[in-house]
Amino acid sequence: MQYFKHMVDKRKTSDKMGRPRHEFTADVIPILEGVPDPGTVTQMCEALGIGSHVFYKWLGEEKEFSEAVLRVRARADDQIENAFFNRAKGYTTTVIEEKLDKDGISHALSKDIHMAAEPGAALNWLKNRRPDEWRDKKVVEVEGSHVDLVTKAVQELGIDLDD
C-alpha cells in the first residue's frame, strides 16, 4: 500500500543514481486519510512510504497536504477523547473467547465485561470541562489589609501581642 513503491521499481530501470524523488501529488491524500489509526507522524509516513523529512517538507509547502493532516489528526484526537470519556464513566464490552469442549470441538463463547468508571479520569474530565467548580486551586478574595485581619483574628482568640 505504499504510495512510492512504484517509484523505487522505476528507479531500477532508470540511469539516474541516488534516492527517488518524492513529489507530492493529489493521490497522497486518500492514502493518508485511509490510515486506520493515524496517531503519529511515523504511522502516517509508513503508510505513505516516505520519511519524516519529506512529510514535514510537504506539510510546510503543500496546503492540501497540511489540511489533510489536520483532518487525520482531528480524527485521532476524537478517538482518544471518546476512549477517555468511556473510561471516565465506565462501559460494558463484549468479549468473544474460543473454548474447546472435552471432544476437542471449538466453541465461541461471548460474555459481557463491565469496566468500572475510573475516578481519576472522571476528575480530570471535570477539571478540564468545569474548571471553576473542580480545579484544585481556589481563589479567595479578601477585602481589607492582611495585617488588620490577622490582628483582629488574634484579638478574637484572646492572644496578647504586646508580650
Protein backbone atom coordinates (compact mmCIF):
# COMPACT_ATOMS: atom_id res chain seq x y z
CA MET A 1 0.00 0.00 0.00
CA GLN A 2 2.98 2.28 -0.03
CA TYR A 3 2.50 5.16 -2.37
CA PHE A 4 6.07 5.42 -3.59
CA LYS A 5 6.72 1.72 -4.18
CA HIS A 6 6.31 2.23 -7.93
CA MET A 7 9.00 4.94 -7.86
CA VAL A 8 11.51 2.53 -6.34
CA ASP A 9 10.70 -0.02 -9.07
CA LYS A 10 11.09 2.68 -11.74
CA ARG A 11 14.48 3.63 -10.31
CA LYS A 12 15.90 0.20 -11.08
CA THR A 13 15.50 0.80 -14.82
CA SER A 14 16.50 4.46 -14.72
CA ASP A 15 20.00 5.71 -15.43
CA LYS A 16 19.80 8.24 -12.59
CA MET A 17 21.56 7.46 -9.35
CA GLY A 18 20.55 8.38 -5.81
CA ARG A 19 17.31 8.36 -3.91
CA PRO A 20 13.99 8.55 -5.76
CA ARG A 21 12.38 11.96 -5.50
CA HIS A 22 9.10 12.10 -3.65
CA GLU A 23 6.96 14.63 -5.42
CA PHE A 24 3.61 15.47 -3.92
CA THR A 25 0.51 14.52 -5.94
CA ALA A 26 -3.17 14.53 -5.06
CA ASP A 27 -3.06 10.70 -4.89
CA VAL A 28 -1.39 11.01 -1.49
CA ILE A 29 -4.49 12.47 0.22
CA PRO A 30 -6.80 9.39 0.02
CA ILE A 31 -3.97 7.16 1.22
CA LEU A 32 -3.31 9.46 4.18
CA GLU A 33 -6.99 9.67 5.07
CA GLY A 34 -7.27 5.88 4.85
CA VAL A 35 -4.73 5.23 7.60
CA PRO A 36 -6.76 3.37 10.28
CA ASP A 37 -5.04 4.70 13.43
CA PRO A 38 -3.03 7.75 12.40
CA GLY A 39 -1.87 8.83 15.83
CA THR A 40 1.71 9.72 14.96
CA VAL A 41 3.77 11.19 12.14
CA THR A 42 5.64 7.88 11.99
CA GLN A 43 2.43 5.97 11.27
CA MET A 44 1.44 8.42 8.54
CA CYS A 45 4.94 8.27 6.99
CA GLU A 46 4.90 4.46 6.98
CA ALA A 47 1.51 4.41 5.24
CA LEU A 48 2.78 6.82 2.58
CA GLY A 49 6.19 5.18 2.25
CA ILE A 50 8.07 8.41 2.93
CA GLY A 51 10.50 9.67 5.53
CA SER A 52 9.69 12.30 8.11
CA HIS A 53 11.80 14.88 6.25
CA VAL A 54 9.52 14.55 3.20
CA PHE A 55 6.45 14.62 5.45
CA TYR A 56 7.48 17.90 7.07
CA LYS A 57 8.52 19.37 3.72
CA TRP A 58 5.06 18.66 2.29
CA LEU A 59 3.46 19.91 5.49
CA GLY A 60 5.13 23.29 5.01
CA GLU A 61 4.79 23.54 1.24
CA GLU A 62 1.53 21.80 0.29
CA LYS A 63 -1.66 23.37 1.64
CA GLU A 64 -3.81 20.41 0.55
CA PHE A 65 -1.49 18.01 2.40
CA SER A 66 -1.40 20.10 5.59
CA GLU A 67 -5.21 20.34 5.62
CA ALA A 68 -5.48 16.57 5.21
CA VAL A 69 -3.02 16.04 8.08
CA LEU A 70 -5.15 18.32 10.29
CA ARG A 71 -8.27 16.28 9.43
CA VAL A 72 -6.49 13.00 10.15
CA ARG A 73 -5.09 14.28 13.45
CA ALA A 74 -8.54 15.57 14.46
CA ARG A 75 -9.95 12.08 13.85
CA ALA A 76 -7.24 10.56 16.06
CA ASP A 77 -7.93 13.15 18.78
CA ASP A 78 -11.65 12.30 18.63
CA GLN A 79 -10.86 8.60 19.09
CA ILE A 80 -8.73 9.30 22.16
CA GLU A 81 -11.34 11.67 23.59
CA ASN A 82 -14.03 9.03 23.15
CA ALA A 83 -11.88 6.35 24.81
CA PHE A 84 -11.07 8.70 27.71
CA PHE A 85 -14.74 9.60 28.16
CA ASN A 86 -15.75 5.93 28.22
CA ARG A 87 -13.03 5.19 30.77
CA ALA A 88 -14.22 8.07 32.95
CA LYS A 89 -17.84 6.90 33.04
CA GLY A 90 -17.32 3.15 32.77
CA TYR A 91 -18.57 0.92 29.99
CA THR A 92 -19.53 -2.62 29.07
CA THR A 93 -17.88 -4.54 26.24
CA THR A 94 -18.49 -7.97 24.78
CA VAL A 95 -15.56 -10.37 24.59
CA ILE A 96 -15.65 -13.49 22.42
CA GLU A 97 -13.50 -16.41 23.55
CA GLU A 98 -12.81 -19.69 21.80
CA LYS A 99 -13.15 -22.68 24.13
CA LEU A 100 -12.57 -26.36 23.46
CA ASP A 101 -15.01 -28.89 24.84
CA LYS A 102 -13.99 -32.36 26.06
CA ASP A 103 -14.26 -33.69 22.48
CA GLY A 104 -11.86 -31.04 21.14
CA ILE A 105 -14.55 -29.07 19.32
CA SER A 106 -14.10 -25.31 19.40
CA HIS A 107 -16.98 -23.13 20.57
CA ALA A 108 -17.22 -19.35 20.51
CA LEU A 109 -18.45 -18.02 23.83
CA SER A 110 -19.34 -14.40 24.32
CA LYS A 111 -19.53 -12.64 27.62
CA ASP A 112 -20.09 -9.06 28.67
CA ILE A 113 -17.37 -7.46 30.75
CA HIS A 114 -18.05 -4.26 32.64
CA MET A 115 -15.19 -1.84 33.04
CA ALA A 116 -15.83 0.28 36.11
CA ALA A 117 -15.56 4.03 35.95
CA GLU A 118 -12.12 5.36 36.74
CA PRO A 119 -12.40 8.19 39.30
CA GLY A 120 -9.09 9.77 38.21
CA ALA A 121 -10.25 10.00 34.61
CA ALA A 122 -13.61 11.43 35.69
CA LEU A 123 -11.91 14.02 37.90
CA ASN A 124 -9.56 15.01 35.10
CA TRP A 125 -12.55 15.41 32.77
CA LEU A 126 -14.36 17.65 35.27
CA LYS A 127 -11.26 19.76 35.99
CA ASN A 128 -10.93 20.49 32.27
CA ARG A 129 -14.61 20.91 31.45
CA ARG A 130 -15.69 22.79 34.59
CA PRO A 131 -12.55 24.41 35.99
CA ASP A 132 -14.43 26.98 38.08
CA GLU A 133 -16.04 24.19 40.10
CA TRP A 134 -13.39 21.46 40.04
CA ARG A 135 -9.91 22.96 39.87
CA ASP A 136 -7.53 22.30 42.73
CA LYS A 137 -6.66 25.94 43.26
CA LYS A 138 -9.42 28.07 44.77
CA VAL A 139 -9.26 31.84 44.57
CA VAL A 140 -10.49 33.63 47.68
CA GLU A 141 -10.89 37.37 47.57
CA VAL A 142 -10.07 39.20 50.79
CA GLU A 143 -11.12 42.75 51.49
CA GLY A 144 -9.02 44.94 53.73
CA SER A 145 -5.43 44.73 54.89
CA HIS A 146 -3.99 41.33 55.76
CA VAL A 147 -2.33 42.83 58.83
CA ASP A 148 -5.67 44.15 60.06
CA LEU A 149 -7.37 40.77 59.50
CA VAL A 150 -4.63 38.84 61.34
CA THR A 151 -4.64 41.34 64.22
CA LYS A 152 -8.43 41.02 64.52
CA ALA A 153 -8.27 37.21 64.48
CA VAL A 154 -5.55 37.20 67.16
CA GLN A 155 -7.58 39.55 69.38
CA GLU A 156 -10.65 37.31 68.97
CA LEU A 157 -8.57 34.38 70.17
CA GLY A 158 -7.53 36.39 73.22
CA ILE A 159 -3.81 36.41 72.48
CA ASP A 160 -1.83 39.43 73.66
CA LEU A 161 0.68 40.52 71.02
CA ASP A 162 2.46 43.02 73.29
CA ASP A 163 4.33 40.36 75.29
